[in-house]
Amino acid sequence: QHTLQLIEPYFPAMLKMAKELNQFTLFYNGPKCGASAP
């Protein structure tokens, strides 16, 4: 969905992905911290 770059509601999904994609490091850029699509 086209929804704003705000981490708090989606942090659990980040952990779930980190476990499922365990060869990768997941990262989140805040809307004023490097995100080119805030």
Full PDB file with SEQRES, HELIX, SHEET, SSBOND, CRYST1, ORIGX, SCALE, CONECT and MASTER records, all heavy atoms in Angstrom:
SEQRES   1 A   38  GLN HIS THR LEU GLN LEU ILE GLU PRO TYR PHE PRO ALA          
SEQRES   2 A   38  MET LEU LYS MET ALA LYS GLU LEU ASN GLN PHE THR LEU          
SEQRES   3 A   38  PHE TYR ASN GLY PRO LYS CYS GLY ALA SER ALA PRO              
HELIX    1 AA1 GLU A    8  TYR A   10  5                                   3    
HELIX    2 AA2 PHE A   11  GLU A   20  1                                  10    
CRYST1    1.000    1.000    1.000  90.00  90.00  90.00 P 1           1          
ORIGX1      1.000000  0.000000  0.000000        0.00000                         
ORIGX2      0.000000  1.000000  0.000000        0.00000                         
ORIGX3      0.000000  0.000000  1.000000        0.00000                         
SCALE1      1.000000  0.000000  0.000000        0.00000                         
SCALE2      0.000000  1.000000  0.000000        0.00000                         
SCALE3      0.000000  0.000000  1.000000        0.00000                         
ATOM      1  N   GLN A   1       0.839  -1.190   0.000  1.00  0.00           N  
ATOM      2  CA  GLN A   1       0.000   0.000   0.000  1.00  0.00           C  
ATOM      3  C   GLN A   1       0.881   1.249   0.000  1.00  0.00           C  
ATOM      4  O   GLN A   1       1.968   1.254   0.559  1.00  0.00           O  
ATOM      5  CB  GLN A   1      -0.912   0.016   1.232  1.00  0.00           C  
ATOM      6  CG  GLN A   1      -1.822  -1.186   1.341  1.00  0.00           C  
ATOM      7  CD  GLN A   1      -2.801  -1.286   0.187  1.00  0.00           C  
ATOM      8  OE1 GLN A   1      -3.363  -0.277  -0.251  1.00  0.00           O  
ATOM      9  NE2 GLN A   1      -3.000  -2.485  -0.319  1.00  0.00           N  
ATOM     10  N   HIS A   2       0.396   2.309  -0.616  1.00  0.00           N  
ATOM     11  CA  HIS A   2       1.110   3.584  -0.632  1.00  0.00           C  
ATOM     12  C   HIS A   2       0.834   4.282   0.693  1.00  0.00           C  
ATOM     13  O   HIS A   2      -0.192   4.948   0.882  1.00  0.00           O  
ATOM     14  CB  HIS A   2       0.641   4.438  -1.812  1.00  0.00           C  
ATOM     15  CG  HIS A   2       1.425   5.713  -1.973  1.00  0.00           C  
ATOM     16  ND1 HIS A   2       2.672   5.755  -2.537  1.00  0.00           N  
ATOM     17  CD2 HIS A   2       1.127   6.999  -1.623  1.00  0.00           C  
ATOM     18  CE1 HIS A   2       3.122   7.001  -2.548  1.00  0.00           C  
ATOM     19  NE2 HIS A   2       2.200   7.778  -1.993  1.00  0.00           N  
ATOM     20  N   THR A   3       1.763   4.126   1.636  1.00  0.00           N  
ATOM     21  CA  THR A   3       1.588   4.659   2.978  1.00  0.00           C  
ATOM     22  C   THR A   3       2.907   5.246   3.463  1.00  0.00           C  
ATOM     23  O   THR A   3       3.978   4.838   3.005  1.00  0.00           O  
ATOM     24  CB  THR A   3       1.079   3.564   3.938  1.00  0.00           C  
ATOM     25  OG1 THR A   3       0.804   4.121   5.214  1.00  0.00           O  
ATOM     26  CG2 THR A   3       2.086   2.429   4.080  1.00  0.00           C  
ATOM     27  N   LEU A   4       2.864   6.203   4.369  1.00  0.00           N  
ATOM     28  CA  LEU A   4       4.037   6.990   4.731  1.00  0.00           C  
ATOM     29  C   LEU A   4       5.158   6.167   5.354  1.00  0.00           C  
ATOM     30  O   LEU A   4       4.928   5.150   6.003  1.00  0.00           O  
ATOM     31  CB  LEU A   4       3.639   8.106   5.704  1.00  0.00           C  
ATOM     32  CG  LEU A   4       2.808   9.257   5.123  1.00  0.00           C  
ATOM     33  CD1 LEU A   4       2.403  10.217   6.237  1.00  0.00           C  
ATOM     34  CD2 LEU A   4       3.588   9.996   4.039  1.00  0.00           C  
ATOM     35  N   GLN A   5       6.373   6.652   5.199  1.00  0.00           N  
ATOM     36  CA  GLN A   5       7.573   6.039   5.758  1.00  0.00           C  
ATOM     37  C   GLN A   5       7.658   6.362   7.250  1.00  0.00           C  
ATOM     38  O   GLN A   5       8.311   7.312   7.670  1.00  0.00           O  
ATOM     39  CB  GLN A   5       8.808   6.548   4.986  1.00  0.00           C  
ATOM     40  CG  GLN A   5      10.136   5.926   5.402  1.00  0.00           C  
ATOM     41  CD  GLN A   5      10.373   4.563   4.798  1.00  0.00           C  
ATOM     42  OE1 GLN A   5       9.440   3.912   4.339  1.00  0.00           O  
ATOM     43  NE2 GLN A   5      11.611   4.124   4.784  1.00  0.00           N  
ATOM     44  N   LEU A   6       6.999   5.538   8.055  1.00  0.00           N  
ATOM     45  CA  LEU A   6       6.983   5.692   9.506  1.00  0.00           C  
ATOM     46  C   LEU A   6       7.143   4.304  10.115  1.00  0.00           C  
ATOM     47  O   LEU A   6       6.300   3.430   9.917  1.00  0.00           O  
ATOM     48  CB  LEU A   6       5.676   6.341   9.985  1.00  0.00           C  
ATOM     49  CG  LEU A   6       5.374   7.742   9.420  1.00  0.00           C  
ATOM     50  CD1 LEU A   6       3.975   8.186   9.812  1.00  0.00           C  
ATOM     51  CD2 LEU A   6       6.414   8.759   9.904  1.00  0.00           C  
ATOM     52  N   ILE A   7       8.184   4.078  10.890  1.00  0.00           N  
ATOM     53  CA  ILE A   7       8.628   2.751  11.282  1.00  0.00           C  
ATOM     54  C   ILE A   7       7.752   2.048  12.314  1.00  0.00           C  
ATOM     55  O   ILE A   7       7.563   0.830  12.245  1.00  0.00           O  
ATOM     56  CB  ILE A   7      10.094   2.799  11.794  1.00  0.00           C  
ATOM     57  CG1 ILE A   7      10.609   1.412  12.190  1.00  0.00           C  
ATOM     58  CG2 ILE A   7      10.221   3.743  12.978  1.00  0.00           C  
ATOM     59  CD1 ILE A   7      10.767   0.442  11.092  1.00  0.00           C  
ATOM     60  N   GLU A   8       7.200   2.774  13.282  1.00  0.00           N  
ATOM     61  CA  GLU A   8       6.665   2.113  14.472  1.00  0.00           C  
ATOM     62  C   GLU A   8       5.640   1.002  14.180  1.00  0.00           C  
ATOM     63  O   GLU A   8       5.766  -0.101  14.721  1.00  0.00           O  
ATOM     64  CB  GLU A   8       6.067   3.131  15.445  1.00  0.00           C  
ATOM     65  CG  GLU A   8       5.719   2.502  16.790  1.00  0.00           C  
ATOM     66  CD  GLU A   8       5.171   3.513  17.785  1.00  0.00           C  
ATOM     67  OE1 GLU A   8       4.662   4.555  17.350  1.00  0.00           O  
ATOM     68  OE2 GLU A   8       5.250   3.256  18.988  1.00  0.00           O  
ATOM     69  N   PRO A   9       4.630   1.220  13.321  1.00  0.00           N  
ATOM     70  CA  PRO A   9       3.656   0.136  13.120  1.00  0.00           C  
ATOM     71  C   PRO A   9       4.245  -1.096  12.435  1.00  0.00           C  
ATOM     72  O   PRO A   9       3.670  -2.189  12.519  1.00  0.00           O  
ATOM     73  CB  PRO A   9       2.586   0.785  12.227  1.00  0.00           C  
ATOM     74  CG  PRO A   9       2.849   2.241  12.271  1.00  0.00           C  
ATOM     75  CD  PRO A   9       4.299   2.411  12.531  1.00  0.00           C  
ATOM     76  N   TYR A  10       5.371  -0.919  11.758  1.00  0.00           N  
ATOM     77  CA  TYR A  10       5.911  -1.977  10.910  1.00  0.00           C  
ATOM     78  C   TYR A  10       7.192  -2.608  11.452  1.00  0.00           C  
ATOM     79  O   TYR A  10       7.791  -3.462  10.806  1.00  0.00           O  
ATOM     80  CB  TYR A  10       6.159  -1.430   9.502  1.00  0.00           C  
ATOM     81  CG  TYR A  10       4.951  -0.719   8.934  1.00  0.00           C  
ATOM     82  CD1 TYR A  10       4.951   0.666   8.754  1.00  0.00           C  
ATOM     83  CD2 TYR A  10       3.795  -1.424   8.601  1.00  0.00           C  
ATOM     84  CE1 TYR A  10       3.841   1.322   8.257  1.00  0.00           C  
ATOM     85  CE2 TYR A  10       2.683  -0.773   8.102  1.00  0.00           C  
ATOM     86  CZ  TYR A  10       2.711   0.598   7.927  1.00  0.00           C  
ATOM     87  OH  TYR A  10       1.600   1.245   7.430  1.00  0.00           O  
ATOM     88  N   PHE A  11       7.595  -2.193  12.656  1.00  0.00           N  
ATOM     89  CA  PHE A  11       8.821  -2.754  13.227  1.00  0.00           C  
ATOM     90  C   PHE A  11       8.746  -4.279  13.412  1.00  0.00           C  
ATOM     91  O   PHE A  11       9.728  -4.977  13.124  1.00  0.00           O  
ATOM     92  CB  PHE A  11       9.160  -2.061  14.546  1.00  0.00           C  
ATOM     93  CG  PHE A  11      10.419  -2.564  15.182  1.00  0.00           C  
ATOM     94  CD1 PHE A  11      11.663  -2.195  14.674  1.00  0.00           C  
ATOM     95  CD2 PHE A  11      10.382  -3.418  16.275  1.00  0.00           C  
ATOM     96  CE1 PHE A  11      12.837  -2.666  15.252  1.00  0.00           C  
ATOM     97  CE2 PHE A  11      11.541  -3.893  16.859  1.00  0.00           C  
ATOM     98  CZ  PHE A  11      12.772  -3.518  16.336  1.00  0.00           C  
ATOM     99  N   PRO A  12       7.617  -4.842  13.882  1.00  0.00           N  
ATOM    100  CA  PRO A  12       7.550  -6.305  13.989  1.00  0.00           C  
ATOM    101  C   PRO A  12       7.796  -7.014  12.657  1.00  0.00           C  
ATOM    102  O   PRO A  12       8.422  -8.080  12.621  1.00  0.00           O  
ATOM    103  CB  PRO A  12       6.128  -6.572  14.501  1.00  0.00           C  
ATOM    104  CG  PRO A  12       5.762  -5.326  15.240  1.00  0.00           C  
ATOM    105  CD  PRO A  12       6.398  -4.210  14.449  1.00  0.00           C  
ATOM    106  N   ALA A  13       7.328  -6.411  11.562  1.00  0.00           N  
ATOM    107  CA  ALA A  13       7.566  -7.002  10.243  1.00  0.00           C  
ATOM    108  C   ALA A  13       9.046  -6.992   9.899  1.00  0.00           C  
ATOM    109  O   ALA A  13       9.553  -7.907   9.239  1.00  0.00           O  
ATOM    110  CB  ALA A  13       6.773  -6.242   9.176  1.00  0.00           C  
ATOM    111  N   MET A  14       9.760  -5.964  10.362  1.00  0.00           N  
ATOM    112  CA  MET A  14      11.202  -5.879  10.116  1.00  0.00           C  
ATOM    113  C   MET A  14      11.925  -7.053  10.769  1.00  0.00           C  
ATOM    114  O   MET A  14      12.809  -7.686  10.163  1.00  0.00           O  
ATOM    115  CB  MET A  14      11.739  -4.555  10.642  1.00  0.00           C  
ATOM    116  CG  MET A  14      13.188  -4.269  10.283  1.00  0.00           C  
ATOM    117  SD  MET A  14      13.759  -2.675  10.946  1.00  0.00           S  
ATOM    118  CE  MET A  14      15.214  -2.397   9.922  1.00  0.00           C  
ATOM    119  N   LEU A  15      11.548  -7.382  12.011  1.00  0.00           N  
ATOM    120  CA  LEU A  15      12.169  -8.507  12.695  1.00  0.00           C  
ATOM    121  C   LEU A  15      11.826  -9.823  12.013  1.00  0.00           C  
ATOM    122  O   LEU A  15      12.687 -10.707  11.861  1.00  0.00           O  
ATOM    123  CB  LEU A  15      11.724  -8.538  14.157  1.00  0.00           C  
ATOM    124  CG  LEU A  15      12.149  -7.360  15.033  1.00  0.00           C  
ATOM    125  CD1 LEU A  15      11.692  -7.589  16.477  1.00  0.00           C  
ATOM    126  CD2 LEU A  15      13.655  -7.151  14.991  1.00  0.00           C  
ATOM    127  N   LYS A  16      10.584  -9.965  11.597  1.00  0.00           N  
ATOM    128  CA  LYS A  16      10.159 -11.189  10.907  1.00  0.00           C  
ATOM    129  C   LYS A  16      10.960 -11.384   9.626  1.00  0.00           C  
ATOM    130  O   LYS A  16      11.447 -12.487   9.328  1.00  0.00           O  
ATOM    131  CB  LYS A  16       8.660 -11.129  10.607  1.00  0.00           C  
ATOM    132  CG  LYS A  16       8.080 -12.379   9.958  1.00  0.00           C  
ATOM    133  CD  LYS A  16       6.572 -12.248   9.845  1.00  0.00           C  
ATOM    134  CE  LYS A  16       5.940 -13.534   9.333  1.00  0.00           C  
ATOM    135  NZ  LYS A  16       6.217 -13.779   7.906  1.00  0.00           N  
ATOM    136  N   MET A  17      11.132 -10.314   8.860  1.00  0.00           N  
ATOM    137  CA  MET A  17      11.915 -10.387   7.623  1.00  0.00           C  
ATOM    138  C   MET A  17      13.377 -10.697   7.916  1.00  0.00           C  
ATOM    139  O   MET A  17      14.015 -11.455   7.182  1.00  0.00           O  
ATOM    140  CB  MET A  17      11.826  -9.063   6.864  1.00  0.00           C  
ATOM    141  CG  MET A  17      10.515  -8.801   6.204  1.00  0.00           C  
ATOM    142  SD  MET A  17      10.601  -7.227   5.305  1.00  0.00           S  
ATOM    143  CE  MET A  17       8.867  -6.836   5.239  1.00  0.00           C  
ATOM    144  N   ALA A  18      13.924 -10.087   8.975  1.00  0.00           N  
ATOM    145  CA  ALA A  18      15.322 -10.327   9.317  1.00  0.00           C  
ATOM    146  C   ALA A  18      15.568 -11.813   9.573  1.00  0.00           C  
ATOM    147  O   ALA A  18      16.617 -12.352   9.205  1.00  0.00           O  
ATOM    148  CB  ALA A  18      15.713  -9.504  10.540  1.00  0.00           C  
ATOM    149  N   LYS A  19      14.599 -12.481  10.199  1.00  0.00           N  
ATOM    150  CA  LYS A  19      14.744 -13.913  10.466  1.00  0.00           C  
ATOM    151  C   LYS A  19      14.591 -14.733   9.200  1.00  0.00           C  
ATOM    152  O   LYS A  19      15.337 -15.681   8.961  1.00  0.00           O  
ATOM    153  CB  LYS A  19      13.721 -14.354  11.515  1.00  0.00           C  
ATOM    154  CG  LYS A  19      13.897 -15.807  11.952  1.00  0.00           C  
ATOM    155  CD  LYS A  19      12.965 -16.155  13.098  1.00  0.00           C  
ATOM    156  CE  LYS A  19      13.202 -17.587  13.569  1.00  0.00           C  
ATOM    157  NZ  LYS A  19      12.318 -17.929  14.721  1.00  0.00           N  
ATOM    158  N   GLU A  20      13.629 -14.370   8.374  1.00  0.00           N  
ATOM    159  CA  GLU A  20      13.366 -15.144   7.150  1.00  0.00           C  
ATOM    160  C   GLU A  20      14.441 -14.899   6.096  1.00  0.00           C  
ATOM    161  O   GLU A  20      14.754 -15.783   5.303  1.00  0.00           O  
ATOM    162  CB  GLU A  20      11.981 -14.811   6.606  1.00  0.00           C  
ATOM    163  CG  GLU A  20      10.857 -15.245   7.535  1.00  0.00           C  
ATOM    164  CD  GLU A  20       9.489 -15.125   6.909  1.00  0.00           C  
ATOM    165  OE1 GLU A  20       9.387 -14.652   5.761  1.00  0.00           O  
ATOM    166  OE2 GLU A  20       8.504 -15.508   7.571  1.00  0.00           O  
ATOM    167  N   LEU A  21      15.003 -13.688   6.084  1.00  0.00           N  
ATOM    168  CA  LEU A  21      16.086 -13.348   5.154  1.00  0.00           C  
ATOM    169  C   LEU A  21      17.392 -13.263   5.947  1.00  0.00           C  
ATOM    170  O   LEU A  21      18.054 -12.230   5.993  1.00  0.00           O  
ATOM    171  CB  LEU A  21      15.788 -12.018   4.460  1.00  0.00           C  
ATOM    172  CG  LEU A  21      14.548 -11.969   3.567  1.00  0.00           C  
ATOM    173  CD1 LEU A  21      14.218 -10.549   3.162  1.00  0.00           C  
ATOM    174  CD2 LEU A  21      14.718 -12.847   2.328  1.00  0.00           C  
ATOM    175  N   ASN A  22      17.754 -14.362   6.589  1.00  0.00           N  
ATOM    176  CA  ASN A  22      18.835 -14.301   7.574  1.00  0.00           C  
ATOM    177  C   ASN A  22      20.236 -14.193   6.983  1.00  0.00           C  
ATOM    178  O   ASN A  22      21.208 -14.138   7.724  1.00  0.00           O  
ATOM    179  CB  ASN A  22      18.753 -15.482   8.548  1.00  0.00           C  
ATOM    180  CG  ASN A  22      18.852 -16.824   7.843  1.00  0.00           C  
ATOM    181  OD1 ASN A  22      19.270 -16.908   6.688  1.00  0.00           O  
ATOM    182  ND2 ASN A  22      18.465 -17.876   8.526  1.00  0.00           N  
ATOM    183  N   GLN A  23      20.345 -14.147   5.666  1.00  0.00           N  
ATOM    184  CA  GLN A  23      21.640 -13.855   5.049  1.00  0.00           C  
ATOM    185  C   GLN A  23      21.799 -12.358   4.784  1.00  0.00           C  
ATOM    186  O   GLN A  23      22.836 -11.925   4.286  1.00  0.00           O  
ATOM    187  CB  GLN A  23      21.790 -14.639   3.742  1.00  0.00           C  
ATOM    188  CG  GLN A  23      21.812 -16.147   3.927  1.00  0.00           C  
ATOM    189  CD  GLN A  23      21.925 -16.878   2.600  1.00  0.00           C  
ATOM    190  OE1 GLN A  23      22.788 -16.574   1.784  1.00  0.00           O  
ATOM    191  NE2 GLN A  23      21.046 -17.833   2.378  1.00  0.00           N  
ATOM    192  N   PHE A  24      20.761 -11.590   5.125  1.00  0.00           N  
ATOM    193  CA  PHE A  24      20.733 -10.157   4.846  1.00  0.00           C  
ATOM    194  C   PHE A  24      20.643  -9.347   6.131  1.00  0.00           C  
ATOM    195  O   PHE A  24      20.171  -9.817   7.156  1.00  0.00           O  
ATOM    196  CB  PHE A  24      19.523  -9.800   3.974  1.00  0.00           C  
ATOM    197  CG  PHE A  24      19.585 -10.325   2.572  1.00  0.00           C  
ATOM    198  CD1 PHE A  24      19.192 -11.628   2.279  1.00  0.00           C  
ATOM    199  CD2 PHE A  24      20.036  -9.525   1.532  1.00  0.00           C  
ATOM    200  CE1 PHE A  24      19.245 -12.114   0.974  1.00  0.00           C  
ATOM    201  CE2 PHE A  24      20.093  -9.991   0.232  1.00  0.00           C  
ATOM    202  CZ  PHE A  24      19.697 -11.296  -0.043  1.00  0.00           C  
ATOM    203  N   THR A  25      21.068  -8.101   6.040  1.00  0.00           N  
ATOM    204  CA  THR A  25      20.802  -7.097   7.068  1.00  0.00           C  
ATOM    205  C   THR A  25      19.696  -6.190   6.547  1.00  0.00           C  
ATOM    206  O   THR A  25      19.823  -5.614   5.460  1.00  0.00           O  
ATOM    207  CB  THR A  25      22.055  -6.269   7.383  1.00  0.00           C  
ATOM    208  OG1 THR A  25      23.053  -7.129   7.956  1.00  0.00           O  
ATOM    209  CG2 THR A  25      21.748  -5.152   8.366  1.00  0.00           C  
ATOM    210  N   LEU A  26      18.604  -6.101   7.293  1.00  0.00           N  
ATOM    211  CA  LEU A  26      17.506  -5.203   6.940  1.00  0.00           C  
ATOM    212  C   LEU A  26      17.840  -3.792   7.413  1.00  0.00           C  
ATOM    213  O   LEU A  26      18.478  -3.626   8.450  1.00  0.00           O  
ATOM    214  CB  LEU A  26      16.216  -5.656   7.620  1.00  0.00           C  
ATOM    215  CG  LEU A  26      15.317  -6.702   6.953  1.00  0.00           C  
ATOM    216  CD1 LEU A  26      14.565  -6.120   5.779  1.00  0.00           C  
ATOM    217  CD2 LEU A  26      16.082  -7.947   6.567  1.00  0.00           C  
ATOM    218  N   PHE A  27      17.404  -2.790   6.663  1.00  0.00           N  
ATOM    219  CA  PHE A  27      17.585  -1.436   7.159  1.00  0.00           C  
ATOM    220  C   PHE A  27      16.424  -0.529   6.804  1.00  0.00           C  
ATOM    221  O   PHE A  27      15.722  -0.731   5.810  1.00  0.00           O  
ATOM    222  CB  PHE A  27      18.927  -0.821   6.757  1.00  0.00           C  
ATOM    223  CG  PHE A  27      19.313  -0.874   5.302  1.00  0.00           C  
ATOM    224  CD1 PHE A  27      19.186   0.228   4.486  1.00  0.00           C  
ATOM    225  CD2 PHE A  27      19.877  -2.030   4.765  1.00  0.00           C  
ATOM    226  CE1 PHE A  27      19.587   0.198   3.169  1.00  0.00           C  
ATOM    227  CE2 PHE A  27      20.283  -2.073   3.438  1.00  0.00           C  
ATOM    228  CZ  PHE A  27      20.128  -0.956   2.640  1.00  0.00           C  
ATOM    229  N   TYR A  28      16.231   0.442   7.709  1.00  0.00           N  
ATOM    230  CA  TYR A  28      15.157   1.417   7.586  1.00  0.00           C  
ATOM    231  C   TYR A  28      15.747   2.812   7.643  1.00  0.00           C  
ATOM    232  O   TYR A  28      16.497   3.145   8.570  1.00  0.00           O  
ATOM    233  CB  TYR A  28      14.143   1.247   8.720  1.00  0.00           C  
ATOM    234  CG  TYR A  28      13.152   2.390   8.816  1.00  0.00           C  
ATOM    235  CD1 TYR A  28      12.037   2.435   7.978  1.00  0.00           C  
ATOM    236  CD2 TYR A  28      13.340   3.426   9.730  1.00  0.00           C  
ATOM    237  CE1 TYR A  28      11.136   3.499   8.048  1.00  0.00           C  
ATOM    238  CE2 TYR A  28      12.445   4.488   9.803  1.00  0.00           C  
ATOM    239  CZ  TYR A  28      11.349   4.518   8.963  1.00  0.00           C  
ATOM    240  OH  TYR A  28      10.459   5.574   9.029  1.00  0.00           O  
ATOM    241  N   ASN A  29      15.404   3.622   6.652  1.00  0.00           N  
ATOM    242  CA  ASN A  29      15.791   5.032   6.617  1.00  0.00           C  
ATOM    243  C   ASN A  29      14.560   5.884   6.886  1.00  0.00           C  
ATOM    244  O   ASN A  29      13.562   5.787   6.170  1.00  0.00           O  
ATOM    245  CB  ASN A  29      16.374   5.404   5.244  1.00  0.00           C  
ATOM    246  CG  ASN A  29      17.672   4.691   4.961  1.00  0.00           C  
ATOM    247  OD1 ASN A  29      18.485   4.475   5.853  1.00  0.00           O  
ATOM    248  ND2 ASN A  29      17.883   4.314   3.704  1.00  0.00           N  
ATOM    249  N   GLY A  30      14.632   6.705   7.926  1.00  0.00           N  
ATOM    250  CA  GLY A  30      13.520   7.584   8.227  1.00  0.00           C  
ATOM    251  C   GLY A  30      13.280   8.596   7.118  1.00  0.00           C  
ATOM    252  O   GLY A  30      14.129   8.808   6.248  1.00  0.00           O  
ATOM    253  N   PRO A  31      12.109   9.256   7.113  1.00  0.00           N  
ATOM    254  CA  PRO A  31      11.766  10.191   6.040  1.00  0.00           C  
ATOM    255  C   PRO A  31      12.730  11.371   5.914  1.00  0.00           C  
ATOM    256  O   PRO A  31      12.836  11.961   4.845  1.00  0.00           O  
ATOM    257  CB  PRO A  31      10.351  10.654   6.404  1.00  0.00           C  
ATOM    258  CG  PRO A  31      10.172  10.297   7.831  1.00  0.00           C  
ATOM    259  CD  PRO A  31      11.020   9.102   8.084  1.00  0.00           C  
ATOM    260  N   LYS A  32      13.437  11.699   6.998  1.00  0.00           N  
ATOM    261  CA  LYS A  32      14.458  12.743   6.939  1.00  0.00           C  
ATOM    262  C   LYS A  32      15.835  12.177   7.282  1.00  0.00           C  
ATOM    263  O   LYS A  32      16.718  12.895   7.744  1.00  0.00           O  
ATOM    264  CB  LYS A  32      14.113  13.892   7.902  1.00  0.00           C  
ATOM    265  CG  LYS A  32      12.886  14.695   7.490  1.00  0.00           C  
ATOM    266  CD  LYS A  32      12.685  15.872   8.438  1.00  0.00           C  
ATOM    267  CE  LYS A  32      11.488  16.729   8.024  1.00  0.00           C  
ATOM    268  NZ  LYS A  32      11.295  17.866   8.961  1.00  0.00           N  
ATOM    269  N   CYS A  33      16.006  10.893   7.018  1.00  0.00           N  
ATOM    270  CA  CYS A  33      17.263  10.216   7.364  1.00  0.00           C  
ATOM    271  C   CYS A  33      17.742   9.307   6.246  1.00  0.00           C  
ATOM    272  O   CYS A  33      18.220   8.196   6.480  1.00  0.00           O  
ATOM    273  CB  CYS A  33      17.094   9.426   8.658  1.00  0.00           C  
ATOM    274  SG  CYS A  33      16.662  10.423  10.082  1.00  0.00           S  
ATOM    275  N   GLY A  34      17.574   9.780   5.010  1.00  0.00           N  
ATOM    276  CA  GLY A  34      18.120   9.039   3.879  1.00  0.00           C  
ATOM    277  C   GLY A  34      17.114   8.367   2.973  1.00  0.00           C  
ATOM    278  O   GLY A  34      17.492   7.851   1.920  1.00  0.00           O  
ATOM    279  N   ALA A  35      15.837   8.356   3.353  1.00  0.00           N  
ATOM    280  CA  ALA A  35      14.828   7.722   2.500  1.00  0.00           C  
ATOM    281  C   ALA A  35      14.585   8.582   1.260  1.00  0.00           C  
ATOM    282  O   ALA A  35      14.237   9.749   1.380  1.00  0.00           O  
ATOM    283  CB  ALA A  35      13.526   7.522   3.261  1.00  0.00           C  
ATOM    284  N   SER A  36      14.775   7.992   0.080  1.00  0.00           N  
ATOM    285  CA  SER A  36      14.515   8.743  -1.155  1.00  0.00           C  
ATOM    286  C   SER A  36      13.053   8.644  -1.575  1.00  0.00           C  
ATOM    287  O   SER A  36      12.639   9.304  -2.530  1.00  0.00           O  
ATOM    288  CB  SER A  36      15.428   8.261  -2.281  1.00  0.00           C  
ATOM    289  OG  SER A  36      15.342   6.867  -2.443  1.00  0.00           O  
ATOM    290  N   ALA A  37      12.268   7.810  -0.857  1.00  0.00           N  
ATOM    291  CA  ALA A  37      10.820   7.731  -1.091  1.00  0.00           C  
ATOM    292  C   ALA A  37      10.106   7.816   0.257  1.00  0.00           C  
ATOM    293  O   ALA A  37       9.554   6.821   0.748  1.00  0.00           O  
ATOM    294  CB  ALA A  37      10.459   6.435  -1.815  1.00  0.00           C  
ATOM    295  N   PRO A  38      10.104   9.007   0.893  1.00  0.00           N  
ATOM    296  CA  PRO A  38       9.470   9.128   2.203  1.00  0.00           C  
ATOM    297  C   PRO A  38       7.948   9.030   2.168  1.00  0.00           C  
ATOM    298  O   PRO A  38       7.304   8.996   3.219  1.00  0.00           O  
ATOM    299  CB  PRO A  38       9.914  10.515   2.678  1.00  0.00           C  
ATOM    300  CG  PRO A  38      10.198  11.275   1.431  1.00  0.00           C  
ATOM    301  CD  PRO A  38      10.726  10.269   0.455  1.00  0.00           C  
TER     302      PRO A  38                                                      
MASTER        0    0    0    2    0    0    0    6  301    1    0    3          
END                                                                             
